[in-house]
Protein backbone atom coordinates (compact mmCIF):
# COMPACT_ATOMS: atom_id res chain seq x y z
CA UNK A 1 22.35 11.89 -74.40
CA UNK A 2 18.95 13.11 -73.71
CA UNK A 3 20.82 15.55 -71.89
CA UNK A 4 23.11 16.43 -74.15
CA UNK A 5 21.45 16.89 -77.11
CA UNK A 6 17.78 17.76 -78.02
CA UNK A 7 17.35 15.45 -80.99
CA UNK A 8 14.44 15.34 -81.00
CA UNK A 9 12.98 18.72 -80.72
CA UNK A 10 10.48 19.35 -83.39
CA UNK A 11 11.49 22.12 -85.98
CA UNK A 12 9.39 24.64 -84.94
CA UNK A 13 7.96 25.79 -81.38
CA UNK A 14 4.95 23.79 -81.98
CA UNK A 15 4.43 20.02 -81.54
CA UNK A 16 3.07 18.13 -84.39
CA UNK A 17 -0.49 16.80 -83.90
CA UNK A 18 -1.08 13.10 -84.27
CA UNK A 19 -2.42 13.55 -87.87
CA UNK A 20 0.60 15.19 -88.81
CA UNK A 21 3.04 12.24 -87.27
CA UNK A 22 0.82 9.94 -88.74
CA UNK A 23 1.34 11.63 -92.53
CA UNK A 24 5.33 12.46 -91.60
CA UNK A 25 5.87 8.36 -90.14
CA UNK A 26 8.66 7.94 -87.83
CA UNK A 27 12.27 8.56 -88.92
CA UNK A 28 14.27 6.08 -88.98
CA UNK A 29 18.10 7.01 -88.71
CA UNK A 30 18.38 8.51 -85.41
CA UNK A 31 15.72 6.34 -83.79
CA UNK A 32 18.16 3.49 -84.76
CA UNK A 33 20.77 5.10 -82.56
CA UNK A 34 18.08 5.52 -79.63
CA UNK A 35 16.94 2.02 -80.00
CA UNK A 36 20.43 0.60 -80.08
CA UNK A 37 21.19 2.66 -76.72
CA UNK A 38 17.99 0.99 -75.33
CA UNK A 39 19.20 -2.28 -76.48
CA UNK A 40 22.73 -1.63 -74.65
CA UNK A 41 20.89 -0.64 -71.55
CA UNK A 42 18.86 -3.51 -71.30
CA UNK A 43 22.06 -5.81 -72.67
CA UNK A 44 23.37 -4.25 -69.77
CA UNK A 45 21.07 -5.59 -66.93
CA UNK A 46 20.75 -9.10 -68.21
CA UNK A 47 24.67 -9.21 -67.79
CA UNK A 48 24.69 -8.01 -64.40
CA UNK A 49 21.67 -10.42 -63.35
CA UNK A 50 24.48 -13.09 -64.99
CA UNK A 51 27.30 -11.90 -62.92
CA UNK A 52 28.92 -10.16 -66.16
CA UNK A 53 29.78 -6.98 -64.24
CA UNK A 54 32.27 -6.04 -66.89
CA UNK A 55 30.08 -6.55 -69.75
CA UNK A 56 27.22 -4.71 -68.08
CA UNK A 57 29.72 -1.63 -67.30
CA UNK A 58 30.85 -1.51 -70.85
CA UNK A 59 27.66 -1.58 -72.15
CA UNK A 60 26.58 1.56 -70.29
CA UNK A 61 29.12 3.45 -71.68
CA UNK A 62 28.11 2.20 -75.07
CA UNK A 63 24.84 3.45 -74.49
CA UNK A 64 26.29 6.99 -73.75
CA UNK A 65 27.99 7.01 -76.98
CA UNK A 66 24.95 6.17 -78.73
CA UNK A 67 22.65 8.73 -76.85
CA UNK A 68 25.10 11.19 -77.78
CA UNK A 69 25.05 10.46 -81.22
CA UNK A 70 21.28 10.06 -82.19
CA UNK A 71 20.63 13.88 -81.41
CA UNK A 72 23.75 15.18 -83.78
CA UNK A 73 22.59 12.78 -86.88
CA UNK A 74 18.97 14.28 -86.04
CA UNK A 75 20.33 17.57 -86.25
CA UNK A 76 22.71 16.80 -89.25
CA UNK A 77 19.75 14.91 -91.35
CA UNK A 78 16.78 17.50 -89.87
CA UNK A 79 15.06 14.49 -88.79
CA UNK A 80 14.02 15.86 -85.38
CA UNK A 81 10.50 14.85 -84.04
CA UNK A 82 8.30 14.86 -80.90
CA UNK A 83 8.35 11.01 -81.09
CA UNK A 84 11.93 11.15 -81.07
CA UNK A 85 12.21 12.98 -77.92
CA UNK A 86 9.78 10.99 -76.35
CA UNK A 87 11.53 7.80 -77.34
CA UNK A 88 14.85 9.30 -76.36
CA UNK A 89 13.75 9.93 -73.04
CA UNK A 90 12.35 6.55 -72.28
CA UNK A 91 15.58 4.90 -73.48
CA UNK A 92 17.44 7.31 -71.36
CA UNK A 93 15.47 6.08 -68.33
CA UNK A 94 16.47 2.33 -69.33
CA UNK A 95 19.99 2.99 -69.85
CA UNK A 96 21.04 5.48 -67.66
CA UNK A 97 18.26 5.09 -64.59
CA UNK A 98 17.14 1.52 -64.34
CA UNK A 99 20.19 -0.36 -65.52
CA UNK A 100 23.05 1.17 -63.36
CA UNK A 101 20.65 0.93 -60.29
CA UNK A 102 20.46 -2.98 -60.78
CA UNK A 103 23.80 -2.94 -61.77
CA UNK A 104 25.08 -1.70 -58.56
CA UNK A 105 22.27 -3.51 -56.22
CA UNK A 106 23.47 -6.99 -57.65
CA UNK A 107 26.84 -6.11 -57.92
CA UNK A 108 27.53 -4.47 -54.43
CA UNK A 109 24.78 -3.22 -52.59
CA UNK A 110 22.31 -6.55 -51.85
CA UNK A 111 24.25 -7.57 -48.76
CA UNK A 112 23.24 -4.10 -47.33
CA UNK A 113 19.45 -5.31 -47.42
CA UNK A 114 16.75 -2.29 -47.17
CA UNK A 115 19.50 0.21 -47.48
CA UNK A 116 21.09 -1.52 -50.36
CA UNK A 117 17.65 -1.35 -52.44
CA UNK A 118 16.60 1.99 -51.50
CA UNK A 119 19.85 3.36 -52.37
CA UNK A 120 19.18 1.74 -56.03
CA UNK A 121 15.81 3.02 -55.89
CA UNK A 122 16.52 6.54 -54.72
CA UNK A 123 19.30 6.65 -57.91
CA UNK A 124 16.73 5.32 -59.97
CA UNK A 125 13.95 7.90 -59.07
CA UNK A 126 16.77 10.58 -59.29
CA UNK A 127 17.29 10.03 -62.85
CA UNK A 128 13.39 9.77 -63.66
CA UNK A 129 13.27 13.51 -62.11
CA UNK A 130 16.20 14.62 -63.87
CA UNK A 131 15.05 13.40 -66.93
CA UNK A 132 11.48 14.72 -66.38
CA UNK A 133 13.02 18.42 -65.35
CA UNK A 134 15.23 18.38 -68.53
CA UNK A 135 12.05 17.83 -70.68
CA UNK A 136 10.08 20.42 -69.22
CA UNK A 137 13.18 22.82 -69.87
CA UNK A 138 13.64 22.09 -73.77
CA UNK A 139 11.50 25.18 -74.84
CA UNK A 140 13.11 27.32 -72.38
CA UNK A 141 14.65 30.33 -74.44
CA UNK A 142 16.13 31.74 -71.25
CA UNK A 143 18.07 29.08 -70.06
CA UNK A 144 21.52 28.95 -70.37
CA UNK A 145 22.54 26.37 -73.14
CA UNK A 146 26.19 26.16 -72.01
CA UNK A 147 25.50 24.29 -68.76
CA UNK A 148 23.11 21.72 -67.35
CA UNK A 149 21.00 22.09 -64.63
CA UNK A 150 22.26 19.22 -62.52
CA UNK A 151 24.20 16.10 -63.58
CA UNK A 152 23.04 14.74 -66.64
CA UNK A 153 21.95 11.00 -66.21
CA UNK A 154 24.60 9.58 -68.70
CA UNK A 155 27.12 11.04 -66.96
CA UNK A 156 25.70 9.65 -63.58
CA UNK A 157 25.17 6.17 -65.14
CA UNK A 158 28.75 6.36 -66.18
CA UNK A 159 30.28 7.35 -62.97
CA UNK A 160 28.37 4.15 -61.80
CA UNK A 161 29.56 1.92 -64.30
CA UNK A 162 33.13 3.31 -64.30
CA UNK A 163 33.18 2.53 -60.64
CA UNK A 164 32.26 -1.23 -61.28
CA UNK A 165 34.61 -1.71 -64.50
CA UNK A 166 37.49 -0.13 -62.60
CA UNK A 167 36.63 -2.51 -59.43
CA UNK A 168 36.37 -5.64 -61.85
CA UNK A 169 39.88 -4.41 -63.26
CA UNK A 170 41.70 -4.70 -60.17
CA UNK A 171 39.88 -8.04 -59.04
CA UNK A 172 37.96 -6.24 -56.11
CA UNK A 173 34.40 -7.31 -55.65
CA UNK A 174 31.49 -5.28 -54.28
CA UNK A 175 31.58 -7.30 -50.91
CA UNK A 176 35.23 -7.50 -50.50
CA UNK A 177 36.78 -5.66 -47.05
CA UNK A 178 40.11 -3.53 -46.90
CA UNK A 179 42.27 -3.18 -43.64
CA UNK A 180 39.58 -4.53 -41.56
CA UNK A 181 37.28 -1.80 -42.10
CA UNK A 182 36.81 -0.17 -45.46
CA UNK A 183 34.03 -2.33 -46.99
CA UNK A 184 33.39 -1.76 -50.62
CA UNK A 185 29.56 -2.00 -50.71
CA UNK A 186 29.53 0.72 -48.32
CA UNK A 187 31.83 2.59 -51.22
CA UNK A 188 29.56 1.68 -54.01
CA UNK A 189 26.50 2.82 -51.44
CA UNK A 190 27.77 6.18 -51.18
CA UNK A 191 28.68 6.75 -55.05
CA UNK A 192 25.15 5.67 -55.94
CA UNK A 193 23.63 8.44 -53.46
CA UNK A 194 26.04 10.96 -54.34
CA UNK A 195 25.19 10.55 -58.28
CA UNK A 196 21.36 10.49 -57.41
CA UNK A 197 21.78 13.69 -55.43
CA UNK A 198 23.94 15.41 -58.22
CA UNK A 199 21.31 14.87 -60.65
CA UNK A 200 18.46 16.66 -58.94
CA UNK A 201 20.79 19.29 -57.71
CA UNK A 202 20.59 22.75 -58.95
CA UNK A 203 24.74 22.70 -59.83
CA UNK A 204 25.69 23.70 -63.17
CA UNK A 205 27.43 20.94 -65.08
CA UNK A 206 29.26 22.23 -68.59
CA UNK A 207 27.27 20.67 -71.53
CA UNK A 208 29.57 21.40 -74.48
CA UNK A 209 26.21 22.58 -76.56
CA UNK A 210 28.54 25.72 -77.52
CA UNK A 211 31.23 23.55 -79.29
CA UNK A 212 31.21 24.35 -82.88
CA UNK A 213 32.32 21.13 -84.90
CA UNK A 214 32.51 22.71 -88.30
CA UNK A 215 35.12 25.37 -87.07
CA UNK A 216 38.70 25.13 -87.71
CA UNK A 217 40.72 24.24 -84.42
CA UNK A 218 44.11 24.67 -83.68
CA UNK A 219 46.82 21.74 -84.07
CA UNK A 220 47.34 21.36 -80.49
CA UNK A 221 43.49 20.61 -80.32
CA UNK A 222 43.99 17.77 -82.48
CA UNK A 223 46.97 16.47 -80.99
CA UNK A 224 45.25 16.35 -77.53
CA UNK A 225 42.31 14.24 -78.96
CA UNK A 226 44.80 12.01 -80.18
CA UNK A 227 46.35 11.52 -76.93
CA UNK A 228 42.72 11.28 -75.32
CA UNK A 229 41.79 7.85 -77.53
CA UNK A 230 45.55 6.81 -76.85
CA UNK A 231 45.05 7.09 -73.25
CA UNK A 232 41.76 5.58 -73.52
CA UNK A 233 42.76 2.84 -75.72
CA UNK A 234 45.68 2.22 -73.50
CA UNK A 235 43.64 1.94 -70.04
CA UNK A 236 39.95 2.21 -70.43
CA UNK A 237 38.44 1.83 -66.91
CA UNK A 238 41.02 4.00 -65.16
CA UNK A 239 40.82 6.68 -68.00
CA UNK A 240 37.09 6.97 -68.02
CA UNK A 241 36.25 6.40 -64.42
CA UNK A 242 38.84 9.60 -63.68
CA UNK A 243 36.79 11.58 -66.38
CA UNK A 244 33.60 11.18 -65.24
CA UNK A 245 34.94 11.73 -61.51
CA UNK A 246 36.12 14.70 -62.76
CA UNK A 247 33.19 15.81 -64.64
CA UNK A 248 30.87 14.96 -61.58
CA UNK A 249 33.08 16.95 -59.30
CA UNK A 250 32.99 20.02 -61.59
CA UNK A 251 29.45 20.89 -60.68
CA UNK A 252 30.37 21.27 -57.36
CA UNK A 253 33.72 23.12 -58.23
CA UNK A 254 31.68 25.62 -60.07
CA UNK A 255 29.46 26.00 -57.30
CA UNK A 256 32.26 26.68 -54.76
CA UNK A 257 33.91 29.12 -57.42
CA UNK A 258 30.66 31.19 -57.66
CA UNK A 259 30.20 31.53 -53.40
CA UNK A 260 34.09 32.87 -53.35
CA UNK A 261 33.11 35.56 -56.21
CA UNK A 262 30.12 36.74 -54.41
CA UNK A 263 32.37 36.99 -51.29
CA UNK A 264 35.02 38.60 -52.98
């Protein structure tokens, strides 16, 4: 994720000038992952236009995985660059801003008319603001790297994609009505707005950047990882959507906890 990695952060505190960039060229390996994530986001849009909503939702999750890999690959191979940082951000805007907004609009929000496309635009605009704010704070040494400020755009996109995927899995379309009252399109509208607001909020969301993959871990940690793979393989839509809902709510839980601590 652009928010989950600074893949493309330069080696030093100064951005390379145009001459230096031409001399070094463009690093291939990390940008291949970024290009693949961009392709997955565009593929999701195309599939949504063709009413293949399950494929479009899966493509968003694939883009999220690829986006999380490019930064780690860049750091491991020492191929961070200013070009990669900008490319990664633009790729994220397509895959986690435009694509989820269009998927939700085509799947459920279109019958709502102006309220529908305004909700989709609001999400897209919030994703752009979220990415811009993240990019301006890359060099902030005083920022707590353990937490993101606002819900990361890949997490917000996965929340929307998971909602569509779970609904599709149970044969629910974006225009179904339950009990003569609950209209699924309004549920989609609420989740879209919720994801957008969460991205531009000041809430803290755990980043995982303090996890050192080179350190040894207890046996039960590996066992837990294996069990997670088993659960995801058994029921991918439900498990992934549950995880993303829990993550999206975690920022609000931390906020409530901090408020209670201040009152105590």
